[in-house]
N, C-alpha and C. Protein backbone atom coordinates (compact mmCIF):
# COMPACT_ATOMS: atom_id res chain seq x y z
N MET A 1 5.96 -6.65 41.21
CA MET A 1 6.01 -7.61 40.13
C MET A 1 4.62 -8.11 39.79
N ARG A 2 3.79 -8.31 40.82
CA ARG A 2 2.44 -8.79 40.59
C ARG A 2 1.63 -7.75 39.81
N GLY A 3 1.87 -6.47 40.05
CA GLY A 3 1.19 -5.40 39.33
C GLY A 3 1.57 -5.39 37.85
N PHE A 4 2.84 -5.68 37.57
CA PHE A 4 3.30 -5.74 36.18
C PHE A 4 2.62 -6.89 35.43
N ALA A 5 2.50 -8.05 36.08
CA ALA A 5 1.84 -9.20 35.45
C ALA A 5 0.38 -8.89 35.16
N ALA A 6 -0.28 -8.21 36.07
CA ALA A 6 -1.68 -7.84 35.86
C ALA A 6 -1.81 -6.87 34.71
N LEU A 7 -0.86 -5.94 34.61
CA LEU A 7 -0.88 -4.97 33.52
C LEU A 7 -0.69 -5.67 32.17
N VAL A 8 0.21 -6.65 32.10
CA VAL A 8 0.44 -7.40 30.88
C VAL A 8 -0.82 -8.16 30.49
N LEU A 9 -1.46 -8.80 31.46
CA LEU A 9 -2.69 -9.54 31.18
C LEU A 9 -3.81 -8.63 30.70
N LEU A 10 -3.89 -7.44 31.24
CA LEU A 10 -4.91 -6.49 30.80
C LEU A 10 -4.63 -5.97 29.40
N ALA A 11 -3.37 -5.82 29.05
CA ALA A 11 -2.98 -5.27 27.75
C ALA A 11 -3.14 -6.28 26.62
N MET A 12 -3.10 -7.56 26.91
CA MET A 12 -3.16 -8.58 25.86
C MET A 12 -4.43 -8.50 25.03
N PRO A 13 -5.62 -8.43 25.61
CA PRO A 13 -6.82 -8.33 24.77
C PRO A 13 -6.84 -7.05 23.93
N LEU A 14 -6.28 -5.97 24.45
CA LEU A 14 -6.25 -4.72 23.69
C LEU A 14 -5.37 -4.85 22.46
N ALA A 15 -4.23 -5.50 22.58
CA ALA A 15 -3.33 -5.67 21.44
C ALA A 15 -3.98 -6.56 20.39
N ALA A 16 -4.68 -7.58 20.80
CA ALA A 16 -5.32 -8.49 19.86
C ALA A 16 -6.47 -7.80 19.13
N SER A 17 -7.17 -6.90 19.79
CA SER A 17 -8.32 -6.25 19.16
C SER A 17 -7.92 -5.01 18.36
N ALA A 18 -6.65 -4.63 18.37
CA ALA A 18 -6.21 -3.43 17.65
C ALA A 18 -6.18 -3.64 16.14
N GLN A 19 -6.20 -4.90 15.69
CA GLN A 19 -6.17 -5.19 14.26
C GLN A 19 -7.55 -4.89 13.66
N ALA A 20 -7.56 -4.18 12.55
CA ALA A 20 -8.83 -3.80 11.91
C ALA A 20 -9.40 -4.96 11.12
N HIS A 21 -10.70 -5.03 11.05
CA HIS A 21 -11.40 -6.03 10.23
C HIS A 21 -12.57 -5.33 9.57
N PHE A 22 -12.71 -5.55 8.28
CA PHE A 22 -13.81 -4.96 7.53
C PHE A 22 -14.74 -6.07 7.07
N HIS A 23 -16.03 -5.88 7.28
CA HIS A 23 -17.02 -6.83 6.79
C HIS A 23 -17.07 -6.78 5.27
N HIS A 24 -17.04 -5.55 4.74
CA HIS A 24 -17.03 -5.39 3.28
C HIS A 24 -16.38 -4.06 2.90
N VAL A 25 -15.91 -4.00 1.67
CA VAL A 25 -15.27 -2.81 1.12
C VAL A 25 -15.92 -2.52 -0.22
N HIS A 26 -16.29 -1.27 -0.45
CA HIS A 26 -16.87 -0.86 -1.73
C HIS A 26 -15.78 -0.36 -2.66
N LEU A 27 -15.77 -0.86 -3.90
CA LEU A 27 -14.81 -0.42 -4.91
C LEU A 27 -15.56 0.05 -6.14
N ASN A 28 -15.16 1.18 -6.69
CA ASN A 28 -15.72 1.64 -7.96
C ASN A 28 -14.97 0.97 -9.09
N ALA A 29 -15.71 0.57 -10.13
CA ALA A 29 -15.08 -0.10 -11.27
C ALA A 29 -15.83 0.26 -12.55
N THR A 30 -15.07 0.56 -13.59
CA THR A 30 -15.72 0.82 -14.88
C THR A 30 -16.25 -0.46 -15.48
N ASN A 31 -15.64 -1.59 -15.13
CA ASN A 31 -16.10 -2.90 -15.59
C ASN A 31 -16.03 -3.88 -14.41
N PRO A 32 -17.11 -3.98 -13.63
CA PRO A 32 -17.08 -4.84 -12.45
C PRO A 32 -16.73 -6.30 -12.75
N ALA A 33 -17.19 -6.84 -13.86
CA ALA A 33 -16.89 -8.23 -14.19
C ALA A 33 -15.38 -8.46 -14.35
N THR A 34 -14.70 -7.52 -15.00
CA THR A 34 -13.25 -7.62 -15.16
C THR A 34 -12.55 -7.47 -13.81
N ALA A 35 -13.04 -6.57 -12.98
CA ALA A 35 -12.45 -6.38 -11.65
C ALA A 35 -12.61 -7.65 -10.82
N ILE A 36 -13.78 -8.27 -10.87
CA ILE A 36 -14.02 -9.51 -10.14
C ILE A 36 -13.08 -10.60 -10.64
N GLU A 37 -12.93 -10.68 -11.95
CA GLU A 37 -12.02 -11.68 -12.54
C GLU A 37 -10.59 -11.45 -12.05
N PHE A 38 -10.17 -10.19 -11.98
CA PHE A 38 -8.82 -9.87 -11.50
C PHE A 38 -8.63 -10.36 -10.07
N TYR A 39 -9.53 -9.96 -9.17
CA TYR A 39 -9.36 -10.30 -7.76
C TYR A 39 -9.43 -11.80 -7.51
N THR A 40 -10.29 -12.51 -8.24
CA THR A 40 -10.40 -13.96 -8.03
C THR A 40 -9.21 -14.71 -8.64
N SER A 41 -8.55 -14.13 -9.62
CA SER A 41 -7.40 -14.80 -10.22
C SER A 41 -6.09 -14.51 -9.48
N LYS A 42 -6.00 -13.41 -8.78
CA LYS A 42 -4.75 -13.02 -8.11
C LYS A 42 -4.72 -13.35 -6.63
N PHE A 43 -5.87 -13.50 -6.00
CA PHE A 43 -5.94 -13.73 -4.57
C PHE A 43 -6.79 -14.96 -4.28
N LYS A 44 -6.67 -15.47 -3.06
CA LYS A 44 -7.52 -16.59 -2.66
C LYS A 44 -8.91 -16.02 -2.39
N ALA A 45 -9.69 -15.93 -3.42
CA ALA A 45 -11.03 -15.35 -3.32
C ALA A 45 -11.91 -16.01 -4.36
N ARG A 46 -13.21 -15.88 -4.17
CA ARG A 46 -14.13 -16.47 -5.14
C ARG A 46 -15.31 -15.54 -5.39
N ARG A 47 -15.90 -15.69 -6.57
CA ARG A 47 -17.07 -14.91 -6.95
C ARG A 47 -18.28 -15.46 -6.20
N GLU A 48 -19.03 -14.57 -5.59
CA GLU A 48 -20.24 -14.94 -4.85
C GLU A 48 -21.29 -13.87 -5.09
N SER A 49 -22.51 -14.17 -4.69
CA SER A 49 -23.58 -13.17 -4.71
C SER A 49 -23.71 -12.63 -3.30
N PHE A 50 -23.72 -11.32 -3.16
CA PHE A 50 -23.78 -10.70 -1.85
C PHE A 50 -25.18 -10.19 -1.56
N ALA A 51 -25.86 -10.82 -0.65
CA ALA A 51 -27.17 -10.39 -0.16
C ALA A 51 -28.15 -10.06 -1.29
N GLY A 52 -28.05 -10.78 -2.39
CA GLY A 52 -28.96 -10.54 -3.50
C GLY A 52 -28.71 -9.23 -4.25
N LEU A 53 -27.61 -8.56 -3.95
CA LEU A 53 -27.32 -7.27 -4.59
C LEU A 53 -26.48 -7.42 -5.85
N GLY A 54 -25.98 -8.58 -6.10
CA GLY A 54 -25.18 -8.77 -7.30
C GLY A 54 -23.89 -9.48 -6.99
N ASP A 55 -23.07 -9.63 -8.03
CA ASP A 55 -21.80 -10.33 -7.88
C ASP A 55 -20.84 -9.54 -7.01
N ALA A 56 -20.07 -10.28 -6.23
CA ALA A 56 -19.08 -9.70 -5.34
C ALA A 56 -17.94 -10.72 -5.22
N VAL A 57 -16.94 -10.37 -4.45
CA VAL A 57 -15.81 -11.26 -4.21
C VAL A 57 -15.77 -11.55 -2.71
N TRP A 58 -15.73 -12.84 -2.37
CA TRP A 58 -15.60 -13.27 -0.97
C TRP A 58 -14.16 -13.71 -0.76
N THR A 59 -13.48 -13.09 0.20
CA THR A 59 -12.07 -13.41 0.46
C THR A 59 -11.89 -14.43 1.56
N GLY A 60 -12.97 -14.83 2.18
CA GLY A 60 -12.89 -15.73 3.33
C GLY A 60 -13.06 -14.98 4.63
N ASP A 61 -12.75 -13.67 4.60
CA ASP A 61 -12.90 -12.82 5.78
C ASP A 61 -13.79 -11.62 5.50
N SER A 62 -13.73 -11.12 4.29
CA SER A 62 -14.43 -9.88 3.94
C SER A 62 -14.99 -9.97 2.53
N TRP A 63 -15.90 -9.06 2.23
CA TRP A 63 -16.50 -8.95 0.89
C TRP A 63 -15.91 -7.77 0.15
N LEU A 64 -15.69 -7.92 -1.14
CA LEU A 64 -15.37 -6.80 -2.03
C LEU A 64 -16.61 -6.58 -2.88
N LEU A 65 -17.21 -5.40 -2.75
CA LEU A 65 -18.42 -5.06 -3.49
C LEU A 65 -18.07 -4.02 -4.54
N PHE A 66 -18.59 -4.19 -5.75
CA PHE A 66 -18.22 -3.34 -6.87
C PHE A 66 -19.39 -2.49 -7.32
N THR A 67 -19.14 -1.20 -7.49
CA THR A 67 -20.13 -0.27 -8.00
C THR A 67 -19.71 0.14 -9.40
N LYS A 68 -20.60 0.01 -10.36
CA LYS A 68 -20.32 0.38 -11.75
C LYS A 68 -20.28 1.90 -11.87
N VAL A 69 -19.18 2.42 -12.42
CA VAL A 69 -19.04 3.86 -12.67
C VAL A 69 -18.72 4.06 -14.15
N ASP A 70 -19.01 5.26 -14.66
CA ASP A 70 -18.82 5.53 -16.08
C ASP A 70 -17.37 5.78 -16.47
N SER A 71 -16.60 6.36 -15.56
CA SER A 71 -15.21 6.68 -15.90
C SER A 71 -14.33 6.52 -14.67
N PRO A 72 -13.04 6.27 -14.88
CA PRO A 72 -12.13 6.16 -13.74
C PRO A 72 -11.95 7.53 -13.08
N PRO A 73 -11.42 7.56 -11.88
CA PRO A 73 -11.21 8.85 -11.20
C PRO A 73 -10.16 9.67 -11.96
N PRO A 74 -10.21 10.99 -11.80
CA PRO A 74 -9.19 11.82 -12.47
C PRO A 74 -7.81 11.50 -11.91
N ARG A 75 -6.83 11.55 -12.79
CA ARG A 75 -5.45 11.28 -12.35
C ARG A 75 -4.89 12.49 -11.63
N LEU A 76 -4.09 12.22 -10.63
CA LEU A 76 -3.40 13.30 -9.94
C LEU A 76 -2.25 13.77 -10.81
N PRO A 77 -1.91 15.03 -10.71
CA PRO A 77 -0.76 15.51 -11.50
C PRO A 77 0.49 14.74 -11.10
N SER A 78 1.24 14.30 -12.09
CA SER A 78 2.45 13.53 -11.79
C SER A 78 3.58 14.47 -11.46
N ARG A 79 4.46 14.01 -10.59
CA ARG A 79 5.64 14.81 -10.26
C ARG A 79 6.69 14.57 -11.33
N LYS A 80 7.45 15.58 -11.59
CA LYS A 80 8.51 15.49 -12.58
C LYS A 80 9.60 14.57 -12.05
N ARG A 81 9.97 13.59 -12.84
CA ARG A 81 11.03 12.66 -12.43
C ARG A 81 12.39 13.20 -12.81
N ARG A 82 13.35 12.93 -11.95
CA ARG A 82 14.71 13.32 -12.28
C ARG A 82 15.28 12.32 -13.27
N SER A 83 16.09 12.82 -14.16
CA SER A 83 16.71 11.96 -15.16
C SER A 83 17.76 11.07 -14.50
N THR A 84 17.78 9.81 -14.93
CA THR A 84 18.79 8.90 -14.41
C THR A 84 19.59 8.32 -15.58
N SER A 85 19.82 9.14 -16.57
CA SER A 85 20.58 8.67 -17.71
C SER A 85 22.04 8.48 -17.31
N ALA A 86 22.77 7.73 -18.12
CA ALA A 86 24.18 7.45 -17.83
C ALA A 86 25.00 8.73 -17.77
N SER A 87 24.74 9.69 -18.67
CA SER A 87 25.52 10.93 -18.66
C SER A 87 25.25 11.73 -17.40
N THR A 88 24.02 11.73 -16.93
CA THR A 88 23.71 12.47 -15.70
C THR A 88 24.40 11.82 -14.52
N MET A 89 24.36 10.49 -14.45
CA MET A 89 25.00 9.79 -13.35
C MET A 89 26.51 10.00 -13.37
N LYS A 90 27.11 9.99 -14.57
CA LYS A 90 28.55 10.17 -14.69
C LYS A 90 28.95 11.56 -14.21
N SER A 91 28.20 12.58 -14.62
CA SER A 91 28.56 13.94 -14.22
C SER A 91 28.34 14.12 -12.72
N THR A 92 27.37 13.47 -12.16
CA THR A 92 27.14 13.56 -10.72
C THR A 92 28.29 12.92 -9.96
N ARG A 93 28.73 11.74 -10.43
CA ARG A 93 29.83 11.06 -9.76
C ARG A 93 31.11 11.87 -9.86
N SER A 94 31.41 12.40 -11.04
CA SER A 94 32.66 13.16 -11.17
C SER A 94 32.57 14.45 -10.36
N GLY A 95 31.39 15.02 -10.26
CA GLY A 95 31.22 16.23 -9.46
C GLY A 95 31.45 15.95 -7.99
N SER A 96 30.95 14.82 -7.49
CA SER A 96 31.15 14.51 -6.08
C SER A 96 32.61 14.17 -5.81
N ARG A 97 33.30 13.54 -6.79
CA ARG A 97 34.72 13.25 -6.63
C ARG A 97 35.51 14.56 -6.54
N ALA A 98 35.14 15.53 -7.37
CA ALA A 98 35.84 16.82 -7.34
C ALA A 98 35.60 17.52 -6.01
N ARG A 99 34.38 17.44 -5.48
CA ARG A 99 34.10 18.07 -4.19
C ARG A 99 34.91 17.41 -3.08
N ARG A 100 35.03 16.08 -3.12
CA ARG A 100 35.81 15.39 -2.09
C ARG A 100 37.29 15.76 -2.21
N ALA A 101 37.81 15.89 -3.43
CA ALA A 101 39.23 16.19 -3.62
C ALA A 101 39.54 17.59 -3.14
N SER A 102 38.58 18.51 -3.26
CA SER A 102 38.87 19.89 -2.88
C SER A 102 38.60 20.14 -1.40
N ALA A 103 38.07 19.17 -0.70
CA ALA A 103 37.79 19.37 0.73
C ALA A 103 39.10 19.43 1.49
N VAL A 104 39.15 20.34 2.41
CA VAL A 104 40.36 20.51 3.22
C VAL A 104 40.22 19.64 4.46
N PRO A 105 41.16 18.72 4.67
CA PRO A 105 41.06 17.88 5.87
C PRO A 105 41.20 18.72 7.12
N GLN A 106 40.43 18.36 8.13
CA GLN A 106 40.48 19.09 9.40
C GLN A 106 41.07 18.18 10.45
N GLU A 107 41.85 18.79 11.32
CA GLU A 107 42.44 18.02 12.40
C GLU A 107 41.41 17.82 13.50
N LEU A 108 41.42 16.61 14.05
CA LEU A 108 40.52 16.33 15.16
C LEU A 108 41.22 16.75 16.45
N PRO A 109 40.46 17.20 17.45
CA PRO A 109 41.09 17.63 18.73
C PRO A 109 41.71 16.49 19.46
C-alpha cells in the first residue's frame, strides 16, 4: 500500500505538467488589424505591442502574433455532401421499413 501511495505522489506532477502551454502562436492574416479586432471582441484578450514588433493580441497567458500575407491559403477540395431532402429521407425510411417487413424472424436457441 505504501508503494501505491508513493507511485500516486510521483505521478501527480507529471499529470499537472502534461498540459501544453504556448508563449506565442503565429497566425497568417490577409488583414491583421481585422483579425486583431475579431480576437479582442470574441475572447478575453486585448491589443498590445509585442516586443516592439507590432500589434498583437495578449490573452493573459499567451500572445497571438499576426503575419501579413497577400492571399488566404488554398481551399481543400470539399467532399460531396449527401442530399438530405424530404424526398430522399422519405424513400430511405420506406426502404428500411420494407427491409424490416421482409426479414424472416429467426428462432433463438
